[in-house]
Amino acid sequence: MTTHWISTFLDAQAAELGAARNTLLAYGRDLKDVQEWLAAKGFDFDSAGQAEVEGYLIHCDAQGLAKSTRARRLSAIKQLYRFAFEEGWRADNPAIQIASPGQDKRLPKTLDEGEVDRLLEAAQTFGRNTHDKLRDTCLMQLLYATGMRVSELVSLPVSAARGNPQMLLILGKGGKERMVPLSPPARAALAAWIKLRDTRVEEQAQKGQTPSPALFPSRGTSGHLTRHWFYTRIKSLAVHGGVSPDKVTPHTLRHAFATHLLAGGADLRAIQTMLGHADVATTEIYTHVVDARLTELVLDHHPLSTGRRKSRGKTSSDGQ
């Protein structure tokens, strides 16, 4: 059995390519699912051929998995077999000729400026005490001001935010760093939070506790707030602010950041840099979001749009 394949492959991805922890976890989950399916059919990674890999993808399709999920799993399979070929574990790559199912082109969910304002206001009033309010306000202001991924936000070291910075250094996917400017409200929220945070840290030090280097510390094993915690928190802020929680996730704020910048005339390449996208094609999806919103605006408000033309025509005839 090829039980060591997955662990060795993941170790190599981490060591040689600097793959992020979340990426490695996703690879691990996908490949273990493949391994279990193959085992049920009497195969393993060493003995499976193209027919078995295609059979697994058909199985995923029958389960109703999205094209994006199937494409991601096939990518993991291909990378595993490419690694196995390079290591001499196999003399071929049985997945190399299998075409990806592609991905459904869905526009990312975003928020309008009024909804974002209500979320930012909710952060200032929702918490139980000053600590919670300043923390939540800082989290939300930084997220909307920079378009950070939530994992980048919660793991920020406090050292990156010292000195009332005008730019924030963010460590992104694959260990790549980028600089993102901070808005005045974000800088004010950051300064207020750091002042309170430092007071808490001093109190912990006096009690003999080792303080966390994170900007948003917690008692968990990571030493900082988790993505899951923030996901739950932003849903509560949405309810408090009168915004539909179904529309709100940490990633929605990232989409809103990009969409609002683009609608305001920002350069697509600049947005790509601030989001940390490796390919500008990924950033271009936001042009479609803006186009869709402009189209909706015209259809809803232009006097020559279908619905309004009928209304105007009826009024005119009634007047005769």
Protein backbone atom coordinates (compact mmCIF):
# COMPACT_ATOMS: atom_id res chain seq x y z
CA MET A 1 0.00 0.00 0.00
CA THR A 2 1.15 3.53 -0.73
CA THR A 3 0.28 4.92 2.70
CA HIS A 4 3.40 7.11 2.80
CA TRP A 5 2.67 8.87 -0.50
CA ILE A 6 0.41 11.61 0.87
CA SER A 7 2.53 12.53 3.90
CA THR A 8 5.76 12.60 1.90
CA PHE A 9 4.14 14.68 -0.85
CA LEU A 10 2.78 17.19 1.68
CA ASP A 11 6.15 17.45 3.43
CA ALA A 12 7.78 18.23 0.08
CA GLN A 13 5.15 20.86 -0.75
CA ALA A 14 5.80 22.57 2.57
CA ALA A 15 9.59 22.38 2.40
CA GLU A 16 10.27 23.06 -1.28
CA LEU A 17 7.38 25.31 -2.32
CA GLY A 18 6.48 26.92 0.98
CA ALA A 19 2.84 25.90 0.63
CA ALA A 20 0.54 27.51 3.18
CA ARG A 21 -0.89 25.38 6.01
CA ASN A 22 -4.45 25.75 4.70
CA THR A 23 -3.33 24.62 1.23
CA LEU A 24 -1.65 21.56 2.71
CA LEU A 25 -4.75 20.70 4.73
CA ALA A 26 -6.89 20.93 1.58
CA TYR A 27 -4.49 18.71 -0.37
CA GLY A 28 -4.48 16.21 2.49
CA ARG A 29 -8.28 16.02 2.70
CA ASP A 30 -8.68 15.63 -1.05
CA LEU A 31 -6.01 12.97 -1.44
CA LYS A 32 -7.26 10.93 1.51
CA ASP A 33 -10.71 10.91 -0.09
CA VAL A 34 -9.17 9.59 -3.31
CA GLN A 35 -7.16 7.01 -1.38
CA GLU A 36 -10.24 5.71 0.43
CA TRP A 37 -12.23 5.46 -2.81
CA LEU A 38 -9.41 3.58 -4.54
CA ALA A 39 -9.04 1.22 -1.58
CA ALA A 40 -12.75 0.37 -1.75
CA LYS A 41 -12.19 -0.60 -5.40
CA GLY A 42 -9.13 -2.71 -4.62
CA PHE A 43 -6.56 -0.17 -5.81
CA ASP A 44 -4.05 2.26 -4.38
CA PHE A 45 -2.06 5.15 -5.85
CA ASP A 46 0.61 2.75 -7.11
CA SER A 47 -1.75 0.42 -8.99
CA ALA A 48 -4.43 2.86 -10.19
CA GLY A 49 -4.55 3.79 -13.86
CA GLN A 50 -6.27 6.47 -15.89
CA ALA A 51 -9.54 4.54 -15.85
CA GLU A 52 -9.57 4.49 -12.03
CA VAL A 53 -8.81 8.21 -11.78
CA GLU A 54 -11.59 8.96 -14.26
CA GLY A 55 -13.87 6.66 -12.28
CA TYR A 56 -13.17 8.63 -9.14
CA LEU A 57 -14.05 11.90 -10.89
CA ILE A 58 -17.30 10.36 -12.16
CA HIS A 59 -18.01 9.34 -8.57
CA CYS A 60 -17.45 12.94 -7.44
CA ASP A 61 -19.77 14.21 -10.16
CA ALA A 62 -22.45 11.72 -9.10
CA GLN A 63 -22.16 13.06 -5.55
CA GLY A 64 -23.11 16.47 -6.87
CA LEU A 65 -19.76 18.11 -6.12
CA ALA A 66 -19.21 21.46 -7.81
CA LYS A 67 -16.94 21.74 -10.84
CA SER A 68 -14.52 23.81 -8.77
CA THR A 69 -14.25 21.03 -6.17
CA ARG A 70 -13.71 18.34 -8.82
CA ALA A 71 -11.13 20.51 -10.57
CA ARG A 72 -9.27 21.03 -7.28
CA ARG A 73 -9.24 17.30 -6.52
CA LEU A 74 -7.97 16.44 -10.00
CA SER A 75 -5.24 19.05 -9.57
CA ALA A 76 -4.19 17.41 -6.30
CA ILE A 77 -4.12 14.00 -7.98
CA LYS A 78 -2.02 15.29 -10.88
CA GLN A 79 0.46 16.96 -8.56
CA LEU A 80 0.77 13.84 -6.43
CA TYR A 81 1.47 11.67 -9.47
CA ARG A 82 3.92 14.20 -10.90
CA PHE A 83 5.77 14.09 -7.58
CA ALA A 84 5.63 10.27 -7.58
CA PHE A 85 7.10 10.22 -11.10
CA GLU A 86 9.94 12.55 -10.08
CA GLU A 87 10.65 10.39 -7.03
CA GLY A 88 10.68 7.24 -9.12
CA TRP A 89 7.70 5.69 -7.39
CA ARG A 90 5.88 5.36 -10.71
CA ALA A 91 7.03 5.32 -14.30
CA ASP A 92 3.98 7.24 -15.51
CA ASN A 93 1.35 9.80 -14.52
CA PRO A 94 -2.08 8.22 -15.06
CA ALA A 95 -3.84 11.57 -14.61
CA ILE A 96 -1.78 13.64 -17.04
CA GLN A 97 -4.18 13.31 -19.98
CA ILE A 98 -7.39 13.88 -18.01
CA ALA A 99 -8.92 17.27 -18.76
CA SER A 100 -10.08 19.43 -15.89
CA PRO A 101 -13.85 19.88 -15.56
CA GLY A 102 -13.21 23.60 -15.29
CA GLN A 103 -15.04 25.91 -12.96
CA ASP A 104 -18.42 27.56 -13.05
CA LYS A 105 -17.91 31.27 -13.52
CA ARG A 106 -19.81 32.71 -10.59
CA LEU A 107 -19.52 36.34 -9.61
CA PRO A 108 -18.29 36.78 -6.04
CA LYS A 109 -20.80 38.02 -3.50
CA THR A 110 -20.15 41.56 -2.38
CA LEU A 111 -21.72 44.33 -0.32
CA ASP A 112 -22.68 47.88 -1.20
CA GLU A 113 -21.10 50.79 0.63
CA GLY A 114 -24.13 51.29 2.88
CA GLU A 115 -23.98 47.69 4.08
CA VAL A 116 -20.26 48.00 4.82
CA ASP A 117 -20.91 51.19 6.77
CA ARG A 118 -23.51 49.39 8.90
CA LEU A 119 -21.05 46.58 9.61
CA LEU A 120 -18.35 49.05 10.64
CA GLU A 121 -20.82 50.87 12.89
CA ALA A 122 -21.96 47.55 14.41
CA ALA A 123 -18.37 46.74 15.36
CA GLN A 124 -18.25 49.91 17.47
CA THR A 125 -21.37 49.07 19.50
CA PHE A 126 -21.85 45.29 19.58
CA GLY A 127 -19.17 44.17 22.04
CA ARG A 128 -19.73 43.55 25.74
CA ASN A 129 -16.98 45.95 26.79
CA THR A 130 -14.41 48.44 25.48
CA HIS A 131 -11.93 45.65 24.74
CA ASP A 132 -14.35 43.81 22.45
CA LYS A 133 -15.51 46.98 20.70
CA LEU A 134 -12.00 48.26 19.98
CA ARG A 135 -10.87 44.81 18.83
CA ASP A 136 -13.85 44.30 16.52
CA THR A 137 -13.56 47.82 15.12
CA CYS A 138 -9.88 47.28 14.36
CA LEU A 139 -10.55 43.90 12.73
CA MET A 140 -13.30 45.26 10.49
CA GLN A 141 -11.50 48.47 9.56
CA LEU A 142 -8.32 46.59 8.63
CA LEU A 143 -10.23 43.98 6.64
CA TYR A 144 -12.13 46.54 4.58
CA ALA A 145 -9.16 48.92 4.22
CA THR A 146 -6.74 46.29 2.96
CA GLY A 147 -8.76 43.44 1.43
CA MET A 148 -6.72 40.93 3.42
CA ARG A 149 -7.61 37.26 3.56
CA VAL A 150 -8.98 36.41 6.97
CA SER A 151 -6.05 34.07 7.69
CA GLU A 152 -3.67 36.97 6.97
CA LEU A 153 -5.63 39.29 9.23
CA VAL A 154 -5.94 37.14 12.35
CA SER A 155 -2.29 36.03 12.20
CA LEU A 156 -0.81 39.54 11.88
CA PRO A 157 2.09 40.11 14.29
CA VAL A 158 1.82 43.26 16.38
CA SER A 159 5.30 44.24 15.16
CA ALA A 160 3.85 44.86 11.69
CA ALA A 161 1.48 47.50 13.07
CA ARG A 162 3.74 49.51 15.35
CA GLY A 163 4.40 53.22 14.90
CA ASN A 164 1.07 54.29 13.38
CA PRO A 165 2.02 52.95 9.93
CA GLN A 166 0.61 54.34 6.70
CA MET A 167 1.38 50.99 5.02
CA LEU A 168 0.85 47.51 6.43
CA LEU A 169 3.20 44.62 5.61
CA ILE A 170 1.16 41.48 4.95
CA LEU A 171 2.52 37.95 4.72
CA GLY A 172 0.43 36.19 2.06
CA LYS A 173 0.22 32.82 0.36
CA GLY A 174 3.49 31.02 -0.22
CA GLY A 175 5.31 33.36 2.17
CA LYS A 176 5.02 36.29 -0.26
CA GLU A 177 4.99 39.74 1.31
CA ARG A 178 3.08 42.77 0.08
CA MET A 179 2.48 46.32 1.25
CA VAL A 180 -1.04 47.70 1.48
CA PRO A 181 -1.91 51.32 2.40
CA LEU A 182 -4.12 52.01 5.41
CA SER A 183 -7.04 54.43 5.42
CA PRO A 184 -7.23 57.10 8.18
CA PRO A 185 -10.12 55.28 9.94
CA ALA A 186 -8.13 52.02 9.87
CA ARG A 187 -5.05 53.76 11.30
CA ALA A 188 -7.13 55.32 14.08
CA ALA A 189 -8.77 51.99 14.94
CA LEU A 190 -5.36 50.28 14.90
CA ALA A 191 -3.79 52.85 17.23
CA ALA A 192 -6.68 52.61 19.71
CA TRP A 193 -6.56 48.80 19.73
CA ILE A 194 -2.77 48.57 20.16
CA LYS A 195 -2.91 50.96 23.11
CA LEU A 196 -5.46 48.76 24.89
CA ARG A 197 -3.73 45.54 23.80
CA ASP A 198 -0.39 46.70 25.22
CA THR A 199 -2.04 47.45 28.56
CA ARG A 200 -3.42 43.91 28.65
CA VAL A 201 0.00 42.49 27.75
CA GLU A 202 1.67 44.39 30.57
CA GLU A 203 -0.88 43.00 33.02
CA GLN A 204 -0.18 39.47 31.77
CA ALA A 205 3.57 39.97 32.09
CA GLN A 206 3.16 41.07 35.72
CA LYS A 207 1.34 37.80 36.37
CA GLY A 208 4.21 35.83 34.84
CA GLN A 209 2.31 34.98 31.65
CA THR A 210 4.09 34.91 28.30
CA PRO A 211 2.39 37.40 25.95
CA SER A 212 1.49 36.47 22.40
CA PRO A 213 3.28 38.34 19.59
CA ALA A 214 0.02 38.46 17.61
CA LEU A 215 -1.84 41.70 16.99
CA PHE A 216 -5.05 39.89 17.97
CA PRO A 217 -3.94 37.45 20.68
CA SER A 218 -5.97 34.59 22.11
CA ARG A 219 -5.46 31.78 24.58
CA GLY A 220 -5.64 29.12 21.83
CA THR A 221 -2.72 27.02 20.64
CA SER A 222 -2.06 29.34 17.69
CA GLY A 223 -1.73 32.35 19.99
CA HIS A 224 -4.09 34.43 17.86
CA LEU A 225 -7.77 34.57 16.93
CA THR A 226 -8.90 31.83 14.57
CA ARG A 227 -10.63 32.10 11.20
CA HIS A 228 -13.59 30.19 12.61
CA TRP A 229 -13.96 32.64 15.51
CA PHE A 230 -13.94 35.62 13.18
CA TYR A 231 -16.39 33.97 10.79
CA THR A 232 -18.85 33.56 13.67
CA ARG A 233 -18.17 37.06 14.95
CA ILE A 234 -18.81 38.80 11.62
CA LYS A 235 -22.16 37.01 11.33
CA SER A 236 -23.15 38.45 14.72
CA LEU A 237 -22.03 41.92 13.62
CA ALA A 238 -24.16 41.57 10.49
CA VAL A 239 -27.26 40.78 12.52
CA HIS A 240 -26.53 43.66 14.90
CA GLY A 241 -26.01 46.04 11.97
CA GLY A 242 -29.14 45.04 10.09
CA VAL A 243 -27.28 43.36 7.23
CA SER A 244 -28.35 39.92 6.04
CA PRO A 245 -25.89 37.44 7.61
CA ASP A 246 -26.27 35.22 4.53
CA LYS A 247 -24.44 37.89 2.55
CA VAL A 248 -21.62 38.43 5.02
CA THR A 249 -18.40 36.47 5.47
CA PRO A 250 -14.84 37.72 6.01
CA HIS A 251 -14.20 37.05 2.31
CA THR A 252 -17.20 39.21 1.37
CA LEU A 253 -15.35 42.21 2.83
CA ARG A 254 -12.35 41.32 0.66
CA HIS A 255 -14.64 41.31 -2.39
CA ALA A 256 -16.20 44.61 -1.29
CA PHE A 257 -12.75 46.17 -0.95
CA ALA A 258 -11.83 45.23 -4.52
CA THR A 259 -15.22 46.03 -6.05
CA HIS A 260 -15.51 49.45 -4.44
CA LEU A 261 -11.95 50.37 -5.45
CA LEU A 262 -12.58 49.34 -9.04
CA ALA A 263 -15.90 51.17 -9.17
CA GLY A 264 -14.08 54.26 -7.89
CA GLY A 265 -11.62 54.15 -10.78
CA ALA A 266 -8.66 52.30 -9.21
CA ASP A 267 -6.19 50.58 -11.52
CA LEU A 268 -6.71 46.82 -11.89
CA ARG A 269 -2.99 46.10 -11.49
CA ALA A 270 -2.88 48.06 -8.25
CA ILE A 271 -5.83 46.08 -6.91
CA GLN A 272 -4.09 42.85 -7.96
CA THR A 273 -1.02 43.85 -5.95
CA MET A 274 -3.02 44.79 -2.86
CA LEU A 275 -5.04 41.55 -2.95
CA GLY A 276 -1.91 39.46 -3.44
CA HIS A 277 -3.20 37.75 -6.60
CA ALA A 278 -0.46 35.97 -8.55
CA ASP A 279 -2.38 36.41 -11.83
CA VAL A 280 -4.30 39.51 -12.89
CA ALA A 281 -6.90 37.20 -14.45
CA THR A 282 -8.05 36.38 -10.92
CA THR A 283 -8.54 40.08 -10.21
CA GLU A 284 -10.45 40.65 -13.45
CA ILE A 285 -13.52 38.90 -12.02
CA TYR A 286 -14.25 42.15 -10.20
CA THR A 287 -14.69 43.99 -13.49
CA HIS A 288 -17.61 41.65 -14.16
CA VAL A 289 -19.07 42.42 -10.73
CA VAL A 290 -18.93 46.14 -11.44
CA ASP A 291 -20.39 45.64 -14.92
CA ALA A 292 -23.24 43.57 -13.48
CA ARG A 293 -24.03 46.22 -10.87
CA LEU A 294 -23.99 49.00 -13.46
CA THR A 295 -26.33 46.98 -15.68
CA GLU A 296 -28.69 46.45 -12.75
CA LEU A 297 -28.53 50.16 -11.97
CA VAL A 298 -29.50 51.08 -15.53
CA LEU A 299 -32.35 48.56 -15.67
CA ASP A 300 -33.75 49.78 -12.37
CA HIS A 301 -33.45 53.52 -12.89
CA HIS A 302 -33.05 54.48 -16.56
CA PRO A 303 -36.28 55.94 -18.02
CA LEU A 304 -35.91 53.83 -21.17
CA SER A 305 -35.57 50.52 -19.35
CA THR A 306 -38.39 48.06 -20.16
CA GLY A 307 -40.41 48.36 -16.98
CA ARG A 308 -40.23 52.14 -16.78
CA ARG A 309 -41.02 52.53 -20.50
CA LYS A 310 -44.24 50.58 -20.02
CA SER A 311 -45.10 52.75 -17.04
CA ARG A 312 -44.36 55.96 -18.94
CA GLY A 313 -46.33 54.75 -21.97
CA LYS A 314 -49.35 53.98 -19.86
CA THR A 315 -49.27 57.39 -18.20
CA SER A 316 -49.01 59.10 -21.57
CA SER A 317 -51.98 57.25 -23.04
CA ASP A 318 -54.05 57.92 -19.94
CA GLY A 319 -53.37 61.61 -20.34
CA GLN A 320 -54.77 61.62 -23.89
